[in-house]
């Protein structure tokens, strides 16, 4: 079984920074794409940023230039550095990863963390 665990959320003032971390644990052969999503109250979950196994990144227009996604494959971790935070960034942030298990190395499955709350407010 695979688990994803996020950390690093909290309350921050507008213009501040936070760094989210997510670690994958369990029966892992390889991690393909990793991503961060967020869901604000009353809104649908939206994609924030992705990073492929090759290191290519992609961002939602709303966070380009402010957020940076990175990964450390040796530690099975993905990070989201969030700068110049705005009140509209307030949401629960979820980690997602496409992971292959040793029992089936040709097929990846999508796993989600439980989420971490980010609140941007003065």
Protein backbone atom coordinates (compact mmCIF):
# COMPACT_ATOMS: atom_id res chain seq x y z
CA UNK A 1 0.00 0.00 0.00
CA UNK A 2 1.14 3.54 -0.77
CA UNK A 3 0.51 6.64 1.30
CA UNK A 4 1.10 10.32 0.61
CA UNK A 5 1.49 12.74 3.50
CA UNK A 6 1.54 16.50 3.11
CA UNK A 7 2.95 19.03 5.55
CA UNK A 8 3.81 22.71 5.74
CA UNK A 9 0.43 24.38 5.56
CA UNK A 10 -0.65 27.14 7.89
CA UNK A 11 -1.72 30.75 8.27
CA UNK A 12 0.31 33.41 6.48
CA UNK A 13 -0.18 37.09 5.74
CA UNK A 14 -0.64 38.34 2.17
CA UNK A 15 2.72 38.64 0.48
CA UNK A 16 4.21 35.91 2.64
CA UNK A 17 5.65 32.51 1.76
CA UNK A 18 5.06 28.88 2.62
CA UNK A 19 6.72 25.66 1.54
CA UNK A 20 4.60 22.53 1.27
CA UNK A 21 6.13 19.07 1.36
CA UNK A 22 4.70 15.68 0.45
CA UNK A 23 6.33 12.33 1.07
CA UNK A 24 5.31 9.06 -0.53
CA UNK A 25 5.81 5.86 1.42
CA UNK A 26 5.00 2.18 1.07
CA UNK A 27 5.42 -0.26 -1.76
CA UNK A 28 7.00 1.93 -4.46
CA UNK A 29 8.91 0.88 -7.57
CA UNK A 30 8.84 4.18 -9.38
CA UNK A 31 7.07 7.53 -9.16
CA UNK A 32 6.02 9.09 -12.46
CA UNK A 33 4.26 12.48 -12.50
CA UNK A 34 3.75 14.33 -9.24
CA UNK A 35 1.40 17.25 -8.75
CA UNK A 36 -0.21 19.70 -6.38
CA UNK A 37 -3.92 20.47 -6.46
CA UNK A 38 -6.00 22.77 -4.32
CA UNK A 39 -9.64 23.15 -3.39
CA UNK A 40 -11.13 26.31 -1.97
CA UNK A 41 -14.47 26.28 -0.10
CA UNK A 42 -17.36 25.94 -2.52
CA UNK A 43 -15.07 25.41 -5.50
CA UNK A 44 -13.86 22.44 -7.51
CA UNK A 45 -10.43 20.99 -7.00
CA UNK A 46 -7.97 22.57 -9.41
CA UNK A 47 -4.51 21.71 -10.66
CA UNK A 48 -1.81 24.01 -9.31
CA UNK A 49 1.46 22.54 -10.57
CA UNK A 50 2.95 19.37 -11.98
CA UNK A 51 6.45 17.93 -12.25
CA UNK A 52 7.27 14.93 -14.42
CA UNK A 53 9.80 12.22 -13.69
CA UNK A 54 12.10 14.04 -16.09
CA UNK A 55 11.79 17.29 -14.17
CA UNK A 56 9.51 19.18 -16.54
CA UNK A 57 7.11 21.51 -14.76
CA UNK A 58 3.80 23.11 -15.54
CA UNK A 59 1.76 25.68 -13.61
CA UNK A 60 -1.72 27.10 -13.47
CA UNK A 61 -1.79 30.63 -14.85
CA UNK A 62 -2.89 31.95 -11.46
CA UNK A 63 0.35 30.84 -9.77
CA UNK A 64 2.94 31.29 -12.52
CA UNK A 65 5.90 33.32 -11.33
CA UNK A 66 4.93 32.87 -7.66
CA UNK A 67 4.96 29.11 -7.05
CA UNK A 68 7.73 26.60 -7.75
CA UNK A 69 7.28 22.83 -7.77
CA UNK A 70 10.23 20.48 -7.30
CA UNK A 71 10.90 16.87 -6.41
CA UNK A 72 13.54 14.74 -4.71
CA UNK A 73 13.31 11.22 -6.08
CA UNK A 74 15.84 9.86 -3.60
CA UNK A 75 13.44 10.81 -0.82
CA UNK A 76 10.17 10.19 -2.71
CA UNK A 77 9.18 13.77 -2.04
CA UNK A 78 7.59 16.67 -3.89
CA UNK A 79 7.61 20.28 -2.76
CA UNK A 80 5.67 23.44 -3.52
CA UNK A 81 7.37 26.73 -2.73
CA UNK A 82 4.70 29.43 -2.58
CA UNK A 83 5.76 33.08 -2.61
CA UNK A 84 3.83 36.35 -2.81
CA UNK A 85 0.78 34.60 -1.43
CA UNK A 86 -2.64 36.15 -1.97
CA UNK A 87 -5.93 35.65 -0.11
CA UNK A 88 -7.27 33.83 -3.17
CA UNK A 89 -4.59 31.17 -2.65
CA UNK A 90 -6.47 30.06 0.47
CA UNK A 91 -7.43 26.41 0.02
CA UNK A 92 -6.71 22.87 1.05
CA UNK A 93 -3.68 21.73 -0.93
CA UNK A 94 -3.43 18.11 -2.02
CA UNK A 95 -0.45 16.11 -3.22
CA UNK A 96 -0.97 13.64 -6.07
CA UNK A 97 1.42 11.08 -7.51
CA UNK A 98 1.35 8.43 -10.23
CA UNK A 99 3.13 5.46 -8.66
CA UNK A 100 4.15 2.03 -9.90
CA UNK A 101 4.40 -0.82 -7.43
CA UNK A 102 6.99 -3.63 -7.48
CA UNK A 103 4.18 -6.10 -8.20
CA UNK A 104 3.16 -4.23 -11.38
CA UNK A 105 5.95 -2.08 -12.75
CA UNK A 106 4.21 -1.38 -16.07
CA UNK A 107 1.11 0.34 -14.70
CA UNK A 108 0.95 3.44 -12.51
CA UNK A 109 -1.86 4.23 -10.10
CA UNK A 110 -2.92 7.63 -8.84
CA UNK A 111 -2.60 8.34 -5.13
CA UNK A 112 -3.73 11.35 -3.07
CA UNK A 113 -2.68 12.81 0.23
CA UNK A 114 -5.14 13.93 2.88
CA UNK A 115 -4.52 17.62 2.23
CA UNK A 116 -3.01 20.51 4.15
CA UNK A 117 -4.78 23.81 4.83
CA UNK A 118 -3.24 27.04 3.57
CA UNK A 119 -4.87 30.26 4.76
CA UNK A 120 -3.71 33.65 3.52
CA UNK A 121 -5.15 36.43 5.63
CA UNK A 122 -4.15 39.56 7.49
